Amino acid sequence: MVGGSSGIIQLQIIRTNPTTFAITYDVAVNITYGCTDTDFQSALSNFDGFNPYVISVVRKIYDGSNNIITTLTGAAKVDYVVSFQLVRASSYQT
C-alpha cells in the first residue's frame, strides 16, 4: 500500500470456469488501510484457497525517506510480507 492514510481496501479472488467462463468463486474481504498484521492475516483466511496453509504476516511501515517507523502517523508506505506454510500431516511429523 503506497500513499494515502485511511480508507478501505478490498481484497478479492474470483475464479471462472475455463470452458464456460462462468464465475465459480467470488469472495471479497475489506481491510482498513494500514490494518494490523493480524487483521490482514484474518482477511486472507476468508479465502478457501489458503485453508490448507498456515498463514503468517509481518507488517512494515515506512516514512517518506524509506525508514521503518512504528506508527501510521507520517507513513508513506505499508508492506505486508505474507508467508504460506503447508503443515505436514501428523503421521509425517513423528
PDB file of N, CA and C in Angstrom:
ATOM      1  N   MET A   1       0.856  -1.163   0.000  1.00  0.00           N
ATOM      2  CA  MET A   1       0.000   0.000   0.000  1.00  0.00           C
ATOM      3  C   MET A   1       0.901   1.225   0.000  1.00  0.00           C
ATOM      4  N   VAL A   2       0.755   2.048  -0.982  1.00  0.00           N
ATOM      5  CA  VAL A   2       1.590   3.237  -1.083  1.00  0.00           C
ATOM      6  C   VAL A   2       0.698   4.460  -1.101  1.00  0.00           C
ATOM      7  N   GLY A   3       1.071   5.464  -0.297  1.00  0.00           N
ATOM      8  CA  GLY A   3       0.310   6.702  -0.237  1.00  0.00           C
ATOM      9  C   GLY A   3      -0.962   6.537   0.560  1.00  0.00           C
ATOM     10  N   GLY A   4      -1.668   7.614   0.721  1.00  0.00           N
ATOM     11  CA  GLY A   4      -2.905   7.574   1.479  1.00  0.00           C
ATOM     12  C   GLY A   4      -2.644   7.429   2.962  1.00  0.00           C
ATOM     13  N   SER A   5      -3.706   7.568   3.742  1.00  0.00           N
ATOM     14  CA  SER A   5      -3.555   7.417   5.185  1.00  0.00           C
ATOM     15  C   SER A   5      -4.789   6.797   5.825  1.00  0.00           C
ATOM     16  N   SER A   6      -5.814   6.559   5.032  1.00  0.00           N
ATOM     17  CA  SER A   6      -7.023   5.974   5.606  1.00  0.00           C
ATOM     18  C   SER A   6      -7.868   5.385   4.484  1.00  0.00           C
ATOM     19  N   GLY A   7      -8.919   4.708   4.876  1.00  0.00           N
ATOM     20  CA  GLY A   7      -9.840   4.165   3.897  1.00  0.00           C
ATOM     21  C   GLY A   7      -9.909   2.654   3.961  1.00  0.00           C
ATOM     22  N   ILE A   8     -10.663   2.100   3.051  1.00  0.00           N
ATOM     23  CA  ILE A   8     -10.893   0.661   2.973  1.00  0.00           C
ATOM     24  C   ILE A   8     -10.302   0.137   1.662  1.00  0.00           C
ATOM     25  N   ILE A   9      -9.669  -1.013   1.742  1.00  0.00           N
ATOM     26  CA  ILE A   9      -9.139  -1.688   0.564  1.00  0.00           C
ATOM     27  C   ILE A   9      -9.839  -3.028   0.463  1.00  0.00           C
ATOM     28  N   GLN A  10     -10.282  -3.384  -0.725  1.00  0.00           N
ATOM     29  CA  GLN A  10     -10.976  -4.647  -0.920  1.00  0.00           C
ATOM     30  C   GLN A  10     -10.037  -5.667  -1.549  1.00  0.00           C
ATOM     31  N   LEU A  11      -9.877  -6.796  -0.852  1.00  0.00           N
ATOM     32  CA  LEU A  11      -9.147  -7.939  -1.400  1.00  0.00           C
ATOM     33  C   LEU A  11     -10.188  -8.860  -2.007  1.00  0.00           C
ATOM     34  N   GLN A  12      -9.970  -9.321  -3.219  1.00  0.00           N
ATOM     35  CA  GLN A  12     -10.984 -10.136  -3.887  1.00  0.00           C
ATOM     36  C   GLN A  12     -10.321 -11.232  -4.709  1.00  0.00           C
ATOM     37  N   ILE A  13     -10.905 -12.421  -4.643  1.00  0.00           N
ATOM     38  CA  ILE A  13     -10.489 -13.527  -5.500  1.00  0.00           C
ATOM     39  C   ILE A  13     -11.712 -13.982  -6.282  1.00  0.00           C
ATOM     40  N   ILE A  14     -11.540 -14.036  -7.600  1.00  0.00           N
ATOM     41  CA  ILE A  14     -12.600 -14.504  -8.500  1.00  0.00           C
ATOM     42  C   ILE A  14     -12.025 -15.649  -9.319  1.00  0.00           C
ATOM     43  N   ARG A  15     -12.770 -16.761  -9.370  1.00  0.00           N
ATOM     44  CA  ARG A  15     -12.386 -17.883 -10.224  1.00  0.00           C
ATOM     45  C   ARG A  15     -13.481 -18.097 -11.248  1.00  0.00           C
ATOM     46  N   THR A  16     -13.061 -18.430 -12.451  1.00  0.00           N
ATOM     47  CA  THR A  16     -14.030 -18.730 -13.503  1.00  0.00           C
ATOM     48  C   THR A  16     -13.772 -20.113 -14.068  1.00  0.00           C
ATOM     49  N   ASN A  17     -14.801 -20.718 -14.596  1.00  0.00           N
ATOM     50  CA  ASN A  17     -14.683 -21.982 -15.305  1.00  0.00           C
ATOM     51  C   ASN A  17     -13.993 -21.675 -16.625  1.00  0.00           C
ATOM     52  N   PRO A  18     -12.877 -22.345 -16.941  1.00  0.00           N
ATOM     53  CA  PRO A  18     -12.134 -22.006 -18.163  1.00  0.00           C
ATOM     54  C   PRO A  18     -12.896 -22.326 -19.450  1.00  0.00           C
ATOM     55  N   THR A  19     -13.892 -23.180 -19.350  1.00  0.00           N
ATOM     56  CA  THR A  19     -14.663 -23.543 -20.540  1.00  0.00           C
ATOM     57  C   THR A  19     -15.845 -22.611 -20.750  1.00  0.00           C
ATOM     58  N   THR A  20     -16.601 -22.380 -19.682  1.00  0.00           N
ATOM     59  CA  THR A  20     -17.820 -21.572 -19.806  1.00  0.00           C
ATOM     60  C   THR A  20     -17.613 -20.120 -19.400  1.00  0.00           C
ATOM     61  N   PHE A  21     -16.506 -19.853 -18.746  1.00  0.00           N
ATOM     62  CA  PHE A  21     -16.199 -18.519 -18.212  1.00  0.00           C
ATOM     63  C   PHE A  21     -17.188 -18.069 -17.144  1.00  0.00           C
ATOM     64  N   ALA A  22     -17.981 -19.005 -16.641  1.00  0.00           N
ATOM     65  CA  ALA A  22     -18.900 -18.688 -15.550  1.00  0.00           C
ATOM     66  C   ALA A  22     -18.089 -18.533 -14.263  1.00  0.00           C
ATOM     67  N   ILE A  23     -18.507 -17.588 -13.450  1.00  0.00           N
ATOM     68  CA  ILE A  23     -17.833 -17.364 -12.170  1.00  0.00           C
ATOM     69  C   ILE A  23     -18.183 -18.521 -11.234  1.00  0.00           C
ATOM     70  N   THR A  24     -17.147 -19.167 -10.695  1.00  0.00           N
ATOM     71  CA  THR A  24     -17.354 -20.290  -9.789  1.00  0.00           C
ATOM     72  C   THR A  24     -17.003 -19.941  -8.345  1.00  0.00           C
ATOM     73  N   TYR A  25     -16.310 -18.834  -8.153  1.00  0.00           N
ATOM     74  CA  TYR A  25     -15.918 -18.409  -6.803  1.00  0.00           C
ATOM     75  C   TYR A  25     -15.713 -16.909  -6.846  1.00  0.00           C
ATOM     76  N   ASP A  26     -16.342 -16.206  -5.934  1.00  0.00           N
ATOM     77  CA  ASP A  26     -16.222 -14.751  -5.879  1.00  0.00           C
ATOM     78  C   ASP A  26     -16.345 -14.324  -4.429  1.00  0.00           C
ATOM     79  N   VAL A  27     -15.208 -14.083  -3.794  1.00  0.00           N
ATOM     80  CA  VAL A  27     -15.190 -13.693  -2.385  1.00  0.00           C
ATOM     81  C   VAL A  27     -14.385 -12.401  -2.259  1.00  0.00           C
ATOM     82  N   ALA A  28     -14.939 -11.455  -1.536  1.00  0.00           N
ATOM     83  CA  ALA A  28     -14.267 -10.180  -1.293  1.00  0.00           C
ATOM     84  C   ALA A  28     -14.229  -9.918   0.206  1.00  0.00           C
ATOM     85  N   VAL A  29     -13.125  -9.343   0.649  1.00  0.00           N
ATOM     86  CA  VAL A  29     -12.955  -9.005   2.058  1.00  0.00           C
ATOM     87  C   VAL A  29     -12.403  -7.585   2.126  1.00  0.00           C
ATOM     88  N   ASN A  30     -12.969  -6.771   2.984  1.00  0.00           N
ATOM     89  CA  ASN A  30     -12.486  -5.409   3.173  1.00  0.00           C
ATOM     90  C   ASN A  30     -11.499  -5.354   4.324  1.00  0.00           C
ATOM     91  N   ILE A  31     -10.419  -4.600   4.113  1.00  0.00           N
ATOM     92  CA  ILE A  31      -9.473  -4.320   5.191  1.00  0.00           C
ATOM     93  C   ILE A  31      -9.308  -2.805   5.280  1.00  0.00           C
ATOM     94  N   THR A  32      -8.955  -2.357   6.439  1.00  0.00           N
ATOM     95  CA  THR A  32      -8.704  -0.940   6.663  1.00  0.00           C
ATOM     96  C   THR A  32      -7.260  -0.632   6.277  1.00  0.00           C
ATOM     97  N   TYR A  33      -7.047   0.499   5.606  1.00  0.00           N
ATOM     98  CA  TYR A  33      -5.688   0.911   5.232  1.00  0.00           C
ATOM     99  C   TYR A  33      -4.795   0.879   6.467  1.00  0.00           C
ATOM    100  N   GLY A  34      -3.662   0.210   6.362  1.00  0.00           N
ATOM    101  CA  GLY A  34      -2.701   0.168   7.461  1.00  0.00           C
ATOM    102  C   GLY A  34      -3.088  -0.769   8.586  1.00  0.00           C
ATOM    103  N   CYS A  35      -4.038  -1.654   8.349  1.00  0.00           N
ATOM    104  CA  CYS A  35      -4.504  -2.557   9.407  1.00  0.00           C
ATOM    105  C   CYS A  35      -3.337  -3.353   9.985  1.00  0.00           C
ATOM    106  N   THR A  36      -3.562  -3.943  11.132  1.00  0.00           N
ATOM    107  CA  THR A  36      -2.515  -4.724  11.775  1.00  0.00           C
ATOM    108  C   THR A  36      -2.211  -5.973  10.960  1.00  0.00           C
ATOM    109  N   ASP A  37      -1.069  -6.563  11.238  1.00  0.00           N
ATOM    110  CA  ASP A  37      -0.719  -7.811  10.558  1.00  0.00           C
ATOM    111  C   ASP A  37      -1.724  -8.910  10.890  1.00  0.00           C
ATOM    112  N   THR A  38      -2.252  -8.906  12.101  1.00  0.00           N
ATOM    113  CA  THR A  38      -3.257  -9.893  12.497  1.00  0.00           C
ATOM    114  C   THR A  38      -4.538  -9.719  11.701  1.00  0.00           C
ATOM    115  N   ASP A  39      -4.965  -8.477  11.491  1.00  0.00           N
ATOM    116  CA  ASP A  39      -6.174  -8.221  10.695  1.00  0.00           C
ATOM    117  C   ASP A  39      -5.978  -8.634   9.237  1.00  0.00           C
ATOM    118  N   PHE A  40      -4.796  -8.379   8.690  1.00  0.00           N
ATOM    119  CA  PHE A  40      -4.507  -8.766   7.310  1.00  0.00           C
ATOM    120  C   PHE A  40      -4.518 -10.293   7.178  1.00  0.00           C
ATOM    121  N   GLN A  41      -3.907 -10.964   8.140  1.00  0.00           N
ATOM    122  CA  GLN A  41      -3.890 -12.427   8.154  1.00  0.00           C
ATOM    123  C   GLN A  41      -5.310 -12.983   8.256  1.00  0.00           C
ATOM    124  N   SER A  42      -6.118 -12.394   9.092  1.00  0.00           N
ATOM    125  CA  SER A  42      -7.510 -12.823   9.246  1.00  0.00           C
ATOM    126  C   SER A  42      -8.281 -12.658   7.941  1.00  0.00           C
ATOM    127  N   ALA A  43      -8.029 -11.575   7.230  1.00  0.00           N
ATOM    128  CA  ALA A  43      -8.709 -11.350   5.948  1.00  0.00           C
ATOM    129  C   ALA A  43      -8.338 -12.433   4.943  1.00  0.00           C
ATOM    130  N   LEU A  44      -7.073 -12.797   4.885  1.00  0.00           N
ATOM    131  CA  LEU A  44      -6.637 -13.840   3.956  1.00  0.00           C
ATOM    132  C   LEU A  44      -7.256 -15.193   4.293  1.00  0.00           C
ATOM    133  N   SER A  45      -7.526 -15.420   5.558  1.00  0.00           N
ATOM    134  CA  SER A  45      -8.126 -16.686   5.992  1.00  0.00           C
ATOM    135  C   SER A  45      -9.540 -16.877   5.456  1.00  0.00           C
ATOM    136  N   ASN A  46     -10.161 -15.832   4.956  1.00  0.00           N
ATOM    137  CA  ASN A  46     -11.509 -15.924   4.394  1.00  0.00           C
ATOM    138  C   ASN A  46     -11.537 -16.583   3.022  1.00  0.00           C
ATOM    139  N   PHE A  47     -10.402 -16.717   2.378  1.00  0.00           N
ATOM    140  CA  PHE A  47     -10.348 -17.289   1.042  1.00  0.00           C
ATOM    141  C   PHE A  47     -10.039 -18.784   1.127  1.00  0.00           C
ATOM    142  N   ASP A  48     -10.834 -19.593   0.469  1.00  0.00           N
ATOM    143  CA  ASP A  48     -10.719 -21.048   0.602  1.00  0.00           C
ATOM    144  C   ASP A  48      -9.399 -21.616   0.101  1.00  0.00           C
ATOM    145  N   GLY A  49      -8.771 -20.986  -0.830  1.00  0.00           N
ATOM    146  CA  GLY A  49      -7.514 -21.485  -1.378  1.00  0.00           C
ATOM    147  C   GLY A  49      -6.367 -21.467  -0.392  1.00  0.00           C
ATOM    148  N   PHE A  50      -6.500 -20.688   0.678  1.00  0.00           N
ATOM    149  CA  PHE A  50      -5.443 -20.603   1.679  1.00  0.00           C
ATOM    150  C   PHE A  50      -5.681 -21.540   2.856  1.00  0.00           C
ATOM    151  N   ASN A  51      -6.815 -22.263   2.878  1.00  0.00           N
ATOM    152  CA  ASN A  51      -7.178 -23.096   4.020  1.00  0.00           C
ATOM    153  C   ASN A  51      -6.171 -24.187   4.362  1.00  0.00           C
ATOM    154  N   PRO A  52      -5.526 -24.847   3.416  1.00  0.00           N
ATOM    155  CA  PRO A  52      -4.597 -25.896   3.840  1.00  0.00           C
ATOM    156  C   PRO A  52      -3.275 -25.344   4.381  1.00  0.00           C
ATOM    157  N   TYR A  53      -3.111 -24.043   4.397  1.00  0.00           N
ATOM    158  CA  TYR A  53      -1.849 -23.434   4.783  1.00  0.00           C
ATOM    159  C   TYR A  53      -1.950 -22.689   6.104  1.00  0.00           C
ATOM    160  N   VAL A  54      -0.802 -22.597   6.767  1.00  0.00           N
ATOM    161  CA  VAL A  54      -0.675 -21.726   7.932  1.00  0.00           C
ATOM    162  C   VAL A  54      -0.159 -20.397   7.390  1.00  0.00           C
ATOM    163  N   ILE A  55      -0.889 -19.327   7.664  1.00  0.00           N
ATOM    164  CA  ILE A  55      -0.550 -18.001   7.137  1.00  0.00           C
ATOM    165  C   ILE A  55       0.135 -17.199   8.237  1.00  0.00           C
ATOM    166  N   SER A  56       1.242 -16.558   7.891  1.00  0.00           N
ATOM    167  CA  SER A  56       1.846 -15.593   8.812  1.00  0.00           C
ATOM    168  C   SER A  56       2.086 -14.293   8.051  1.00  0.00           C
ATOM    169  N   VAL A  57       1.900 -13.190   8.754  1.00  0.00           N
ATOM    170  CA  VAL A  57       2.011 -11.865   8.138  1.00  0.00           C
ATOM    171  C   VAL A  57       2.859 -10.965   9.037  1.00  0.00           C
ATOM    172  N   VAL A  58       3.757 -10.218   8.414  1.00  0.00           N
ATOM    173  CA  VAL A  58       4.542  -9.207   9.119  1.00  0.00           C
ATOM    174  C   VAL A  58       4.290  -7.877   8.423  1.00  0.00           C
ATOM    175  N   ARG A  59       3.845  -6.881   9.192  1.00  0.00           N
ATOM    176  CA  ARG A  59       3.596  -5.541   8.645  1.00  0.00           C
ATOM    177  C   ARG A  59       4.813  -4.662   8.900  1.00  0.00           C
ATOM    178  N   LYS A  60       5.217  -3.912   7.870  1.00  0.00           N
ATOM    179  CA  LYS A  60       6.288  -2.926   7.997  1.00  0.00           C
ATOM    180  C   LYS A  60       5.756  -1.592   7.493  1.00  0.00           C
ATOM    181  N   ILE A  61       5.993  -0.547   8.271  1.00  0.00           N
ATOM    182  CA  ILE A  61       5.526   0.795   7.932  1.00  0.00           C
ATOM    183  C   ILE A  61       6.753   1.665   7.655  1.00  0.00           C
ATOM    184  N   TYR A  62       6.701   2.399   6.539  1.00  0.00           N
ATOM    185  CA  TYR A  62       7.828   3.236   6.133  1.00  0.00           C
ATOM    186  C   TYR A  62       7.411   4.697   6.036  1.00  0.00           C
ATOM    187  N   ASP A  63       8.327   5.596   6.365  1.00  0.00           N
ATOM    188  CA  ASP A  63       8.086   7.018   6.156  1.00  0.00           C
ATOM    189  C   ASP A  63       8.535   7.409   4.753  1.00  0.00           C
ATOM    190  N   GLY A  64       8.458   8.688   4.437  1.00  0.00           N
ATOM    191  CA  GLY A  64       8.806   9.174   3.108  1.00  0.00           C
ATOM    192  C   GLY A  64      10.261   8.972   2.724  1.00  0.00           C
ATOM    193  N   SER A  65      11.141   8.775   3.716  1.00  0.00           N
ATOM    194  CA  SER A  65      12.564   8.530   3.461  1.00  0.00           C
ATOM    195  C   SER A  65      12.893   7.041   3.475  1.00  0.00           C
ATOM    196  N   ASN A  66      11.868   6.216   3.492  1.00  0.00           N
ATOM    197  CA  ASN A  66      12.009   4.757   3.478  1.00  0.00           C
ATOM    198  C   ASN A  66      12.588   4.195   4.778  1.00  0.00           C
ATOM    199  N   ASN A  67      12.407   4.953   5.881  1.00  0.00           N
ATOM    200  CA  ASN A  67      12.805   4.463   7.194  1.00  0.00           C
ATOM    201  C   ASN A  67      11.631   3.716   7.807  1.00  0.00           C
ATOM    202  N   ILE A  68      11.912   2.633   8.507  1.00  0.00           N
ATOM    203  CA  ILE A  68      10.843   1.894   9.189  1.00  0.00           C
ATOM    204  C   ILE A  68      10.406   2.692  10.408  1.00  0.00           C
ATOM    205  N   ILE A  69       9.091   2.872  10.533  1.00  0.00           N
ATOM    206  CA  ILE A  69       8.511   3.558  11.684  1.00  0.00           C
ATOM    207  C   ILE A  69       7.488   2.625  12.333  1.00  0.00           C
ATOM    208  N   THR A  70       7.020   2.999  13.519  1.00  0.00           N
ATOM    209  CA  THR A  70       6.139   2.098  14.264  1.00  0.00           C
ATOM    210  C   THR A  70       4.683   2.545  14.305  1.00  0.00           C
ATOM    211  N   THR A  71       4.380   3.664  13.683  1.00  0.00           N
ATOM    212  CA  THR A  71       3.015   4.180  13.695  1.00  0.00           C
ATOM    213  C   THR A  71       2.612   4.612  12.294  1.00  0.00           C
ATOM    214  N   LEU A  72       1.329   4.679  12.046  1.00  0.00           N
ATOM    215  CA  LEU A  72       0.856   5.126  10.737  1.00  0.00           C
ATOM    216  C   LEU A  72       0.992   6.630  10.550  1.00  0.00           C
ATOM    217  N   THR A  73       1.218   7.362  11.625  1.00  0.00           N
ATOM    218  CA  THR A  73       1.420   8.807  11.521  1.00  0.00           C
ATOM    219  C   THR A  73       2.698   9.070  10.732  1.00  0.00           C
ATOM    220  N   GLY A  74       2.578   9.730   9.618  1.00  0.00           N
ATOM    221  CA  GLY A  74       3.720  10.020   8.764  1.00  0.00           C
ATOM    222  C   GLY A  74       4.094   8.873   7.837  1.00  0.00           C
ATOM    223  N   ALA A  75       3.245   7.864   7.747  1.00  0.00           N
ATOM    224  CA  ALA A  75       3.546   6.713   6.891  1.00  0.00           C
ATOM    225  C   ALA A  75       3.403   7.075   5.418  1.00  0.00           C
ATOM    226  N   ALA A  76       4.344   6.600   4.606  1.00  0.00           N
ATOM    227  CA  ALA A  76       4.274   6.772   3.158  1.00  0.00           C
ATOM    228  C   ALA A  76       3.993   5.442   2.468  1.00  0.00           C
ATOM    229  N   LYS A  77       4.302   4.334   3.176  1.00  0.00           N
ATOM    230  CA  LYS A  77       4.126   3.011   2.587  1.00  0.00           C
ATOM    231  C   LYS A  77       3.933   1.989   3.694  1.00  0.00           C
ATOM    232  N   VAL A  78       3.053   1.033   3.444  1.00  0.00           N
ATOM    233  CA  VAL A  78       2.853  -0.092   4.365  1.00  0.00           C
ATOM    234  C   VAL A  78       3.023  -1.377   3.564  1.00  0.00           C
ATOM    235  N   ASP A  79       3.951  -2.214   4.001  1.00  0.00           N
ATOM    236  CA  ASP A  79       4.186  -3.506   3.354  1.00  0.00           C
ATOM    237  C   ASP A  79       3.675  -4.618   4.259  1.00  0.00           C
ATOM    238  N   TYR A  80       3.094  -5.634   3.629  1.00  0.00           N
ATOM    239  CA  TYR A  80       2.702  -6.849   4.341  1.00  0.00           C
ATOM    240  C   TYR A  80       3.474  -7.996   3.706  1.00  0.00           C
ATOM    241  N   VAL A  81       4.341  -8.617   4.469  1.00  0.00           N
ATOM    242  CA  VAL A  81       5.096  -9.765   3.997  1.00  0.00           C
ATOM    243  C   VAL A  81       4.325 -10.999   4.458  1.00  0.00           C
ATOM    244  N   VAL A  82       3.836 -11.773   3.481  1.00  0.00           N
ATOM    245  CA  VAL A  82       2.959 -12.908   3.772  1.00  0.00           C
ATOM    246  C   VAL A  82       3.696 -14.207   3.469  1.00  0.00           C
ATOM    247  N   SER A  83       3.606 -15.138   4.412  1.00  0.00           N
ATOM    248  CA  SER A  83       4.170 -16.478   4.215  1.00  0.00           C
ATOM    249  C   SER A  83       3.054 -17.502   4.313  1.00  0.00           C
ATOM    250  N   PHE A  84       3.045 -18.447   3.387  1.00  0.00           N
ATOM    251  CA  PHE A  84       2.098 -19.555   3.400  1.00  0.00           C
ATOM    252  C   PHE A  84       2.909 -20.827   3.616  1.00  0.00           C
ATOM    253  N   GLN A  85       2.601 -21.532   4.690  1.00  0.00           N
ATOM    254  CA  GLN A  85       3.336 -22.754   5.002  1.00  0.00           C
ATOM    255  C   GLN A  85       2.358 -23.906   5.077  1.00  0.00           C
ATOM    256  N   LEU A  86       2.709 -24.995   4.431  1.00  0.00           N
ATOM    257  CA  LEU A  86       1.882 -26.186   4.470  1.00  0.00           C
ATOM    258  C   LEU A  86       2.387 -27.069   5.599  1.00  0.00           C
ATOM    259  N   VAL A  87       1.512 -27.331   6.546  1.00  0.00           N
ATOM    260  CA  VAL A  87       1.880 -28.147   7.702  1.00  0.00           C
ATOM    261  C   VAL A  87       1.746 -29.620   7.315  1.00  0.00           C
ATOM    262  N   ARG A  88       2.740 -30.387   7.636  1.00  0.00           N
ATOM    263  CA  ARG A  88       2.711 -31.815   7.347  1.00  0.00           C
ATOM    264  C   ARG A  88       1.664 -32.509   8.220  1.00  0.00           C
ATOM    265  N   ALA A  89       1.111 -33.558   7.687  1.00  0.00           N
ATOM    266  CA  ALA A  89       0.195 -34.376   8.459  1.00  0.00           C
ATOM    267  C   ALA A  89       0.918 -34.938   9.668  1.00  0.00           C
ATOM    268  N   SER A  90       0.207 -35.183  10.742  1.00  0.00           N
ATOM    269  CA  SER A  90       0.836 -35.651  11.980  1.00  0.00           C
ATOM    270  C   SER A  90       1.589 -36.965  11.771  1.00  0.00           C
ATOM    271  N   SER A  91       1.156 -37.787  10.832  1.00  0.00           N
ATOM    272  CA  SER A  91       1.854 -39.052  10.568  1.00  0.00           C
ATOM    273  C   SER A  91       3.266 -38.812  10.041  1.00  0.00           C
ATOM    274  N   TYR A  92       3.511 -37.680   9.385  1.00  0.00           N
ATOM    275  CA  TYR A  92       4.840 -37.358   8.870  1.00  0.00           C
ATOM    276  C   TYR A  92       5.711 -36.686   9.933  1.00  0.00           C
ATOM    277  N   GLN A  93       5.077 -36.095  10.934  1.00  0.00           N
ATOM    278  CA  GLN A  93       5.820 -35.334  11.932  1.00  0.00           C
ATOM    279  C   GLN A  93       6.553 -36.218  12.924  1.00  0.00           C
ATOM    280  N   THR A  94       6.172 -37.471  13.046  1.00  0.00           N
ATOM    281  CA  THR A  94       6.804 -38.338  14.049  1.00  0.00           C
ATOM    282  C   THR A  94       7.987 -39.078  13.551  1.00  0.00           C
TER     283      THR A  94
END
